[in-house]
C-alpha atoms as a PDB file:
ATOM      1  CA  MET A   1     -40.422 -10.241  14.538  1.00  0.00           C
ATOM      2  CA  GLU A   2     -39.675 -12.840  11.953  1.00  0.00           C
ATOM      3  CA  SER A   3     -40.982 -16.310  12.649  1.00  0.00           C
ATOM      4  CA  LYS A   4     -38.796 -19.367  12.119  1.00  0.00           C
ATOM      5  CA  PRO A   5     -39.988 -21.816   9.475  1.00  0.00           C
ATOM      6  CA  ASN A   6     -41.231 -25.173  10.671  1.00  0.00           C
ATOM      7  CA  LYS A   7     -38.864 -28.100  10.417  1.00  0.00           C
ATOM      8  CA  ALA A   8     -41.422 -29.786   8.147  1.00  0.00           C
ATOM      9  CA  GLN A   9     -41.017 -26.957   5.612  1.00  0.00           C
ATOM     10  CA  ASP A  10     -37.226 -27.268   5.406  1.00  0.00           C
ATOM     11  CA  PRO A  11     -36.181 -28.912   2.134  1.00  0.00           C
ATOM     12  CA  SER A  12     -34.131 -32.058   2.295  1.00  0.00           C
ATOM     13  CA  PRO A  13     -30.486 -31.712   1.306  1.00  0.00           C
ATOM     14  CA  TRP A  14     -31.011 -34.216  -1.516  1.00  0.00           C
ATOM     15  CA  LYS A  15     -33.829 -32.151  -2.984  1.00  0.00           C
ATOM     16  CA  ALA A  16     -31.561 -29.090  -2.947  1.00  0.00           C
ATOM     17  CA  VAL A  17     -28.715 -31.066  -4.545  1.00  0.00           C
ATOM     18  CA  GLY A  18     -31.092 -32.235  -7.267  1.00  0.00           C
ATOM     19  CA  ILE A  19     -32.214 -28.695  -8.030  1.00  0.00           C
ATOM     20  CA  VAL A  20     -28.659 -27.345  -8.095  1.00  0.00           C
ATOM     21  CA  SER A  21     -27.443 -30.167 -10.326  1.00  0.00           C
ATOM     22  CA  ASP A  22     -30.353 -29.583 -12.716  1.00  0.00           C
ATOM     23  CA  ILE A  23     -29.430 -25.910 -13.053  1.00  0.00           C
ATOM     24  CA  LEU A  24     -25.716 -26.715 -13.404  1.00  0.00           C
ATOM     25  CA  ILE A  25     -26.336 -29.293 -16.136  1.00  0.00           C
ATOM     26  CA  THR A  26     -28.516 -26.778 -17.967  1.00  0.00           C
ATOM     27  CA  ILE A  27     -25.752 -24.169 -17.843  1.00  0.00           C
ATOM     28  CA  LEU A  28     -23.151 -26.664 -19.053  1.00  0.00           C
ATOM     29  CA  VAL A  29     -25.318 -27.895 -21.934  1.00  0.00           C
ATOM     30  CA  LEU A  30     -26.179 -24.364 -23.058  1.00  0.00           C
ATOM     31  CA  THR A  31     -22.527 -23.324 -22.907  1.00  0.00           C
ATOM     32  CA  THR A  32     -21.455 -26.366 -24.872  1.00  0.00           C
ATOM     33  CA  VAL A  33     -24.081 -25.916 -27.553  1.00  0.00           C
ATOM     34  CA  PHE A  34     -23.667 -22.181 -28.143  1.00  0.00           C
ATOM     35  CA  ALA A  35     -19.950 -21.611 -27.523  1.00  0.00           C
ATOM     36  CA  PHE A  36     -18.685 -24.873 -29.002  1.00  0.00           C
ATOM     37  CA  GLY A  37     -21.130 -24.586 -31.883  1.00  0.00           C
ATOM     38  CA  GLY A  38     -19.902 -21.079 -32.620  1.00  0.00           C
ATOM     39  CA  ARG A  39     -16.302 -22.224 -32.477  1.00  0.00           C
ATOM     40  CA  LEU A  40     -16.996 -25.094 -34.874  1.00  0.00           C
ATOM     41  CA  ALA A  41     -18.765 -22.724 -37.260  1.00  0.00           C
ATOM     42  CA  ASP A  42     -15.762 -20.379 -37.150  1.00  0.00           C
ATOM     43  CA  GLN A  43     -13.368 -23.205 -37.956  1.00  0.00           C
ATOM     44  CA  TYR A  44     -15.544 -24.565 -40.753  1.00  0.00           C
ATOM     45  CA  LEU A  45     -16.235 -21.173 -42.366  1.00  0.00           C
ATOM     46  CA  HIS A  46     -12.797 -19.624 -41.586  1.00  0.00           C
ATOM     47  CA  THR A  47     -14.387 -16.520 -40.091  1.00  0.00           C
ATOM     48  CA  GLY A  48     -12.142 -15.736 -37.126  1.00  0.00           C
ATOM     49  CA  TYR A  49     -14.160 -15.495 -33.914  1.00  0.00           C
ATOM     50  CA  ILE A  50     -17.436 -13.946 -35.053  1.00  0.00           C
ATOM     51  CA  PHE A  51     -19.614 -17.032 -34.537  1.00  0.00           C
ATOM     52  CA  THR A  52     -17.989 -17.721 -31.178  1.00  0.00           C
ATOM     53  CA  VAL A  53     -18.927 -14.220 -30.029  1.00  0.00           C
ATOM     54  CA  ILE A  54     -22.443 -14.638 -31.439  1.00  0.00           C
ATOM     55  CA  GLY A  55     -22.671 -17.959 -29.598  1.00  0.00           C
ATOM     56  CA  PHE A  56     -21.749 -16.334 -26.292  1.00  0.00           C
ATOM     57  CA  VAL A  57     -24.248 -13.510 -26.816  1.00  0.00           C
ATOM     58  CA  LEU A  58     -26.979 -16.048 -27.563  1.00  0.00           C
ATOM     59  CA  LEU A  59     -25.860 -18.038 -24.533  1.00  0.00           C
ATOM     60  CA  ILE A  60     -26.382 -15.015 -22.303  1.00  0.00           C
ATOM     61  CA  ILE A  61     -29.778 -14.155 -23.780  1.00  0.00           C
ATOM     62  CA  VAL A  62     -31.211 -17.675 -23.929  1.00  0.00           C
ATOM     63  CA  GLY A  63     -29.476 -18.895 -20.774  1.00  0.00           C
ATOM     64  CA  TYR A  64     -30.834 -16.022 -18.703  1.00  0.00           C
ATOM     65  CA  LYS A  65     -34.415 -16.865 -19.643  1.00  0.00           C
ATOM     66  CA  VAL A  66     -33.941 -20.604 -19.112  1.00  0.00           C
ATOM     67  CA  ILE A  67     -32.293 -20.152 -15.709  1.00  0.00           C
ATOM     68  CA  LEU A  68     -35.034 -17.769 -14.572  1.00  0.00           C
ATOM     69  CA  ARG A  69     -37.644 -20.362 -15.524  1.00  0.00           C
ATOM     70  CA  LYS A  70     -35.724 -23.078 -13.673  1.00  0.00           C
ATOM     71  CA  ALA A  71     -35.424 -20.808 -10.628  1.00  0.00           C
ATOM     72  CA  GLU A  72     -39.211 -20.417 -10.534  1.00  0.00           C
ATOM     73  CA  VAL A  73     -39.625 -24.195 -10.646  1.00  0.00           C
ATOM     74  CA  ALA A  74     -37.017 -24.554  -7.891  1.00  0.00           C
ATOM     75  CA  LYS A  75     -38.889 -22.066  -5.713  1.00  0.00           C
ATOM     76  CA  LYS A  76     -42.047 -24.128  -6.044  1.00  0.00           C
ATOM     77  CA  LYS A  77     -40.220 -27.379  -5.302  1.00  0.00           C
ATOM     78  CA  LEU A  78     -38.632 -25.904  -2.194  1.00  0.00           C
ATOM     79  CA  GLY A  79     -41.901 -24.393  -1.003  1.00  0.00           C
ATOM     80  CA  LEU A  80     -40.609 -20.830  -1.206  1.00  0.00           C
ATOM     81  CA  ASP A  81     -43.348 -19.680  -3.559  1.00  0.00           C
ATOM     82  CA  ARG A  82     -45.604 -17.304  -1.643  1.00  0.00           C
ATOM     83  CA  SER A  83     -48.374 -17.101  -4.213  1.00  0.00           C
END
């Protein structure tokens, strides 16, 4: 049978809100930098949408790694790390 976690181990709602907002801000900043930067480069260089597409591809690659790292930190903060 699975044991229930102690009430002392439950994270506070404010700690969870802080972690979620940190991840959300990271996603928004990465999206702004890569997508908007690509769009500006396309407008400046008159290249259609190539830099916008490159920006989104970089967003997926870089964002995935950054969010995974932030998820590991969140696990430790919430006490879900079993190691």
